[in-house]
Amino acid sequence: MTGDLQFSWELSGSGWATCRIADGSSERKDFVSYCTDALADLLHGVAGLYGPTTVQRVSFDLEPAEVRWVLRGRGSDVDIAIYRFPDMDASFGVPDEEGTLSWSSSQTRSVLGHAVVEAAQAVLREHGEDGYQERWVRYPFPTAALQDLRRFHVRDDECQREHDMALP
């Protein structure tokens, strides 16, 4: 738990993960398919908030639905909006607002970055790289993406919390 933001990513079966995000007032849980490299995409999206691009989009395939995370950076804050679309194949290129807003929150980039790093590290600790690949099937554990996000978070947010820097 990081502040009032909670985030978890748990491998819940062969090719499936349970993604949960919650703040002090609401919660969102999705069962994400391995049809995309979802955890890597999320790590890259949050890491992108540390660069010049202020909006990052990450899509998760729920077979057949899509949830699209829209992360809008405002200085050191991030507005998180999660939109749901009924069909991933039909929603490509569709504006965010045409989906159903299913969860939103405003957090500091530090809190979001920390929560996502911690969740990814927990997956790696539990399964290891080989176990992750075996369960996620299509994609290896996103080691480089985790390293990048962790490095940006520690450096730019000056996070004083402990991080498991010994992980790959």
Protein backbone atom coordinates (compact mmCIF):
# COMPACT_ATOMS: atom_id res chain seq x y z
CA MET A 1 0.00 0.00 0.00
CA THR A 2 1.29 3.43 -0.93
CA GLY A 3 -0.54 6.35 0.66
CA ASP A 4 -4.20 5.77 -0.16
CA LEU A 5 -3.34 4.15 -3.52
CA GLN A 6 -3.23 0.38 -3.68
CA PHE A 7 -2.18 -1.52 -6.78
CA SER A 8 -1.65 -5.21 -7.36
CA TRP A 9 -0.89 -7.47 -10.30
CA GLU A 10 -1.33 -11.16 -9.64
CA LEU A 11 -0.94 -14.00 -12.10
CA SER A 12 -4.24 -15.80 -11.72
CA GLY A 13 -3.95 -18.63 -14.22
CA SER A 14 -2.28 -19.57 -17.45
CA GLY A 15 -2.32 -16.37 -19.50
CA TRP A 16 -4.40 -14.37 -17.01
CA ALA A 17 -3.65 -11.74 -14.38
CA THR A 18 -5.82 -9.97 -11.85
CA CYS A 19 -5.16 -6.24 -11.89
CA ARG A 20 -6.52 -4.25 -8.94
CA ILE A 21 -6.26 -0.53 -8.30
CA ALA A 22 -7.94 1.30 -5.46
CA ASP A 23 -7.79 4.62 -3.69
CA GLY A 24 -9.54 5.82 -0.56
CA SER A 25 -12.92 6.00 -2.28
CA SER A 26 -13.18 3.35 -5.02
CA GLU A 27 -11.68 0.22 -6.52
CA ARG A 28 -11.30 -1.32 -9.98
CA LYS A 29 -10.47 -4.97 -10.65
CA ASP A 30 -9.93 -6.55 -14.07
CA PHE A 31 -8.96 -9.98 -15.34
CA VAL A 32 -6.33 -9.22 -17.96
CA SER A 33 -5.44 -11.53 -20.83
CA TYR A 34 -2.00 -12.38 -22.16
CA CYS A 35 -3.03 -11.24 -25.66
CA THR A 36 -0.94 -8.14 -24.98
CA ASP A 37 2.24 -7.70 -22.95
CA ALA A 38 0.11 -5.97 -20.34
CA LEU A 39 2.49 -5.63 -17.39
CA ALA A 40 5.30 -4.40 -19.63
CA ASP A 41 2.92 -1.93 -21.28
CA LEU A 42 1.89 -0.57 -17.88
CA LEU A 43 5.50 -0.23 -16.70
CA HIS A 44 6.40 1.60 -19.93
CA GLY A 45 3.34 3.82 -19.62
CA VAL A 46 4.09 4.90 -16.06
CA ALA A 47 7.79 5.34 -16.93
CA GLY A 48 6.69 7.60 -19.80
CA LEU A 49 5.31 10.04 -17.24
CA TYR A 50 8.92 10.81 -16.31
CA GLY A 51 9.61 12.17 -19.81
CA PRO A 52 8.25 15.05 -21.87
CA THR A 53 5.03 13.30 -22.94
CA THR A 54 2.26 14.26 -20.54
CA VAL A 55 -0.33 11.66 -21.63
CA GLN A 56 0.25 7.91 -21.63
CA ARG A 57 -2.28 5.27 -22.71
CA VAL A 58 -2.15 1.61 -21.76
CA SER A 59 -4.69 -0.93 -23.02
CA PHE A 60 -5.48 -4.26 -21.42
CA ASP A 61 -7.29 -7.00 -23.32
CA LEU A 62 -10.04 -8.60 -21.26
CA GLU A 63 -11.17 -10.87 -24.11
CA PRO A 64 -13.17 -9.40 -25.71
CA ALA A 65 -13.44 -6.11 -23.81
CA GLU A 66 -10.70 -3.50 -23.45
CA VAL A 67 -9.82 -1.31 -20.52
CA ARG A 68 -7.72 1.69 -21.42
CA TRP A 69 -5.76 3.52 -18.77
CA VAL A 70 -5.22 7.17 -19.61
CA LEU A 71 -2.50 8.71 -17.46
CA ARG A 72 -2.32 12.51 -17.67
CA GLY A 73 0.67 14.10 -16.00
CA ARG A 74 0.21 17.56 -14.46
CA GLY A 75 3.58 18.46 -13.03
CA SER A 76 4.15 16.05 -10.16
CA ASP A 77 0.52 14.85 -10.23
CA VAL A 78 -1.17 12.25 -12.42
CA ASP A 79 -4.84 11.98 -13.30
CA ILE A 80 -5.70 8.32 -13.86
CA ALA A 81 -8.82 7.53 -15.89
CA ILE A 82 -9.79 3.97 -16.82
CA TYR A 83 -12.21 3.58 -19.71
CA ARG A 84 -13.95 0.36 -20.67
CA PHE A 85 -14.82 -0.60 -24.24
CA PRO A 86 -16.96 -3.64 -25.11
CA ASP A 87 -14.65 -5.00 -27.82
CA MET A 88 -10.87 -4.57 -27.98
CA ASP A 89 -10.78 -5.20 -31.73
CA ALA A 90 -13.43 -2.55 -32.41
CA SER A 91 -12.03 0.11 -30.07
CA PHE A 92 -8.69 0.70 -31.80
CA GLY A 93 -8.48 4.40 -32.64
CA VAL A 94 -11.73 5.19 -30.81
CA PRO A 95 -11.43 8.32 -28.61
CA ASP A 96 -11.09 7.63 -24.90
CA GLU A 97 -14.30 9.46 -24.05
CA GLU A 98 -16.34 7.04 -26.20
CA GLY A 99 -15.58 4.36 -23.65
CA THR A 100 -17.29 4.14 -20.29
CA LEU A 101 -15.32 5.85 -17.54
CA SER A 102 -15.09 3.08 -14.95
CA TRP A 103 -12.53 4.43 -12.47
CA SER A 104 -10.58 7.61 -11.89
CA SER A 105 -8.25 9.10 -9.34
CA SER A 106 -5.62 11.80 -8.96
CA GLN A 107 -2.34 10.79 -7.37
CA THR A 108 1.18 12.09 -7.24
CA ARG A 109 3.50 10.57 -9.82
CA SER A 110 5.64 9.38 -6.91
CA VAL A 111 2.78 7.44 -5.33
CA LEU A 112 1.71 5.87 -8.65
CA GLY A 113 5.29 5.04 -9.66
CA HIS A 114 6.02 3.48 -6.28
CA ALA A 115 2.84 1.38 -6.28
CA VAL A 116 3.45 0.00 -9.77
CA VAL A 117 7.14 -0.75 -9.05
CA GLU A 118 6.20 -2.54 -5.82
CA ALA A 119 3.53 -4.65 -7.54
CA ALA A 120 5.86 -5.69 -10.38
CA GLN A 121 8.63 -6.55 -7.91
CA ALA A 122 6.14 -8.67 -5.93
CA VAL A 123 5.27 -10.64 -9.09
CA LEU A 124 8.96 -11.20 -9.81
CA ARG A 125 9.67 -12.28 -6.21
CA GLU A 126 6.77 -14.72 -6.24
CA HIS A 127 7.30 -16.32 -9.65
CA GLY A 128 10.82 -15.46 -10.84
CA GLU A 129 11.45 -14.81 -14.52
CA ASP A 130 11.00 -18.45 -15.54
CA GLY A 131 7.81 -18.89 -13.52
CA TYR A 132 6.37 -15.67 -14.95
CA GLN A 133 7.07 -16.81 -18.53
CA GLU A 134 5.52 -20.19 -17.79
CA ARG A 135 2.33 -18.64 -16.41
CA TRP A 136 2.03 -15.59 -18.68
CA VAL A 137 2.94 -17.77 -21.68
CA ARG A 138 3.39 -15.28 -24.54
CA TYR A 139 5.79 -12.77 -23.01
CA PRO A 140 8.77 -12.86 -20.64
CA PHE A 141 8.88 -10.87 -17.44
CA PRO A 142 9.49 -7.21 -18.35
CA THR A 143 12.78 -6.87 -16.47
CA ALA A 144 14.11 -3.89 -18.45
CA ALA A 145 10.82 -2.00 -18.14
CA LEU A 146 10.80 -2.56 -14.36
CA GLN A 147 14.43 -1.41 -14.09
CA ASP A 148 13.67 1.74 -16.09
CA LEU A 149 10.61 2.69 -14.04
CA ARG A 150 12.36 1.97 -10.76
CA ARG A 151 15.38 4.08 -11.81
CA PHE A 152 13.20 7.04 -12.92
CA HIS A 153 11.09 6.82 -9.78
CA VAL A 154 14.02 6.72 -7.37
CA ARG A 155 15.91 9.47 -9.22
CA ASP A 156 13.13 11.92 -10.15
CA ASP A 157 10.75 11.44 -7.24
CA GLU A 158 13.59 11.23 -4.71
CA CYS A 159 11.67 8.37 -3.14
CA GLN A 160 12.92 7.66 0.35
CA ARG A 161 11.09 4.36 0.66
CA GLU A 162 13.04 1.17 0.37
CA HIS A 163 13.25 -0.48 -3.05
CA ASP A 164 14.53 -3.92 -3.85
CA MET A 165 17.32 -2.72 -6.13
CA ALA A 166 18.91 -6.18 -6.08
CA LEU A 167 16.19 -7.55 -8.32
CA PRO A 168 17.19 -7.85 -11.97
